[in-house]
Every structure is written in C-alpha cells, then in structure tokens.
C-alpha cells in the first residue's frame, strides 16, 4: 500500500518548474551545473524530493517561491 505524497513534497525539477523559475529540463541542467541549493547545500539530483513548506531552495543564491 502506498501513502499519498503531500502537495508540498515535489521533486526538485518539478518544484522549480511550478515556481516559474524554468522548465523541468532546464532545472535538471541547473542542478547538474551546481547552481541549485537546498537548505544551503548544493543539490546533486533534480529527482530528489523536497518539501517546499520547510526547505529553502535557491538558484544562484536567490530564494525561489514555492509553486
């Protein structure tokens, strides 16, 4: 049995896309280039799950809105 995923939990590429930062494909490029951080740590995978309600996501040091 699977549990439902809360609405604020999204993969990093999907979160960036929903926030209007870029497309999911571009988000994967930004992560690969080391330009995205989650809670101050450089993100290593665009497929990582993040909690938009509690984790701080930045692109080039600028915080994004939770989409």
C-alpha atoms as a PDB file:
ATOM      1  CA  UNK A   1       0.000   0.000   0.000  1.00  0.00           C
ATOM      2  CA  UNK A   2       1.376   3.411  -0.947  1.00  0.00           C
ATOM      3  CA  UNK A   3       0.807   6.541   1.046  1.00  0.00           C
ATOM      4  CA  UNK A   4      -0.214   9.748  -0.711  1.00  0.00           C
ATOM      5  CA  UNK A   5       2.506  12.341  -1.145  1.00  0.00           C
ATOM      6  CA  UNK A   6       1.677  15.707   0.491  1.00  0.00           C
ATOM      7  CA  UNK A   7       1.158  18.536  -2.015  1.00  0.00           C
ATOM      8  CA  UNK A   8       4.217  20.426  -0.781  1.00  0.00           C
ATOM      9  CA  UNK A   9       6.502  17.439  -1.490  1.00  0.00           C
ATOM     10  CA  UNK A  10       7.798  17.546  -5.055  1.00  0.00           C
ATOM     11  CA  UNK A  11      10.861  16.555  -6.981  1.00  0.00           C
ATOM     12  CA  UNK A  12      13.317  19.421  -7.255  1.00  0.00           C
ATOM     13  CA  UNK A  13      12.927  19.816 -11.019  1.00  0.00           C
ATOM     14  CA  UNK A  14       9.129  19.893 -10.696  1.00  0.00           C
ATOM     15  CA  UNK A  15       9.305  22.425  -7.849  1.00  0.00           C
ATOM     16  CA  UNK A  16      11.475  24.784  -9.895  1.00  0.00           C
ATOM     17  CA  UNK A  17       9.139  24.445 -12.858  1.00  0.00           C
ATOM     18  CA  UNK A  18       5.972  25.031 -10.805  1.00  0.00           C
ATOM     19  CA  UNK A  19       7.584  28.087  -9.188  1.00  0.00           C
ATOM     20  CA  UNK A  20       8.059  29.563 -12.654  1.00  0.00           C
ATOM     21  CA  UNK A  21      11.856  29.528 -12.480  1.00  0.00           C
ATOM     22  CA  UNK A  22      12.372  27.410 -15.595  1.00  0.00           C
ATOM     23  CA  UNK A  23      11.267  24.272 -17.406  1.00  0.00           C
ATOM     24  CA  UNK A  24      11.900  20.874 -15.842  1.00  0.00           C
ATOM     25  CA  UNK A  25      14.562  20.169 -18.476  1.00  0.00           C
ATOM     26  CA  UNK A  26      16.324  23.456 -17.694  1.00  0.00           C
ATOM     27  CA  UNK A  27      16.020  22.702 -13.964  1.00  0.00           C
ATOM     28  CA  UNK A  28      17.941  19.461 -14.499  1.00  0.00           C
ATOM     29  CA  UNK A  29      20.655  21.461 -16.279  1.00  0.00           C
ATOM     30  CA  UNK A  30      20.843  23.988 -13.432  1.00  0.00           C
ATOM     31  CA  UNK A  31      21.178  21.203 -10.851  1.00  0.00           C
ATOM     32  CA  UNK A  32      23.869  19.465 -12.915  1.00  0.00           C
ATOM     33  CA  UNK A  33      25.767  22.771 -13.095  1.00  0.00           C
ATOM     34  CA  UNK A  34      25.656  23.114  -9.292  1.00  0.00           C
ATOM     35  CA  UNK A  35      23.538  26.271  -9.366  1.00  0.00           C
ATOM     36  CA  UNK A  36      20.697  24.959  -7.160  1.00  0.00           C
ATOM     37  CA  UNK A  37      20.897  24.541  -3.386  1.00  0.00           C
ATOM     38  CA  UNK A  38      18.502  23.046  -0.846  1.00  0.00           C
ATOM     39  CA  UNK A  39      18.934  24.296   2.722  1.00  0.00           C
ATOM     40  CA  UNK A  40      22.328  25.742   1.796  1.00  0.00           C
ATOM     41  CA  UNK A  41      23.712  22.531   0.276  1.00  0.00           C
ATOM     42  CA  UNK A  42      24.303  22.154  -3.442  1.00  0.00           C
ATOM     43  CA  UNK A  43      21.681  19.828  -4.911  1.00  0.00           C
ATOM     44  CA  UNK A  44      23.082  16.693  -6.522  1.00  0.00           C
ATOM     45  CA  UNK A  45      19.912  15.299  -8.122  1.00  0.00           C
ATOM     46  CA  UNK A  46      16.999  17.012  -9.848  1.00  0.00           C
ATOM     47  CA  UNK A  47      14.890  13.986  -8.909  1.00  0.00           C
ATOM     48  CA  UNK A  48      15.423  14.492  -5.169  1.00  0.00           C
ATOM     49  CA  UNK A  49      12.236  15.049  -3.161  1.00  0.00           C
ATOM     50  CA  UNK A  50      11.977  18.391  -1.398  1.00  0.00           C
ATOM     51  CA  UNK A  51       9.426  19.822   0.998  1.00  0.00           C
ATOM     52  CA  UNK A  52       8.509  23.278  -0.260  1.00  0.00           C
ATOM     53  CA  UNK A  53       6.956  24.084   3.098  1.00  0.00           C
ATOM     54  CA  UNK A  54      10.061  23.537   5.210  1.00  0.00           C
ATOM     55  CA  UNK A  55      13.116  23.500   2.945  1.00  0.00           C
ATOM     56  CA  UNK A  56      14.772  26.569   1.435  1.00  0.00           C
ATOM     57  CA  UNK A  57      15.566  26.232  -2.272  1.00  0.00           C
ATOM     58  CA  UNK A  58      17.816  28.738  -4.028  1.00  0.00           C
ATOM     59  CA  UNK A  59      19.052  29.221  -7.587  1.00  0.00           C
ATOM     60  CA  UNK A  60      22.295  31.157  -7.870  1.00  0.00           C
ATOM     61  CA  UNK A  61      21.792  32.189  -4.243  1.00  0.00           C
ATOM     62  CA  UNK A  62      18.333  33.692  -4.813  1.00  0.00           C
ATOM     63  CA  UNK A  63      15.414  32.028  -2.983  1.00  0.00           C
ATOM     64  CA  UNK A  64      12.531  30.755  -5.090  1.00  0.00           C
ATOM     65  CA  UNK A  65       8.845  30.913  -4.266  1.00  0.00           C
ATOM     66  CA  UNK A  66       7.045  27.634  -3.556  1.00  0.00           C
ATOM     67  CA  UNK A  67       4.958  26.997  -6.653  1.00  0.00           C
END
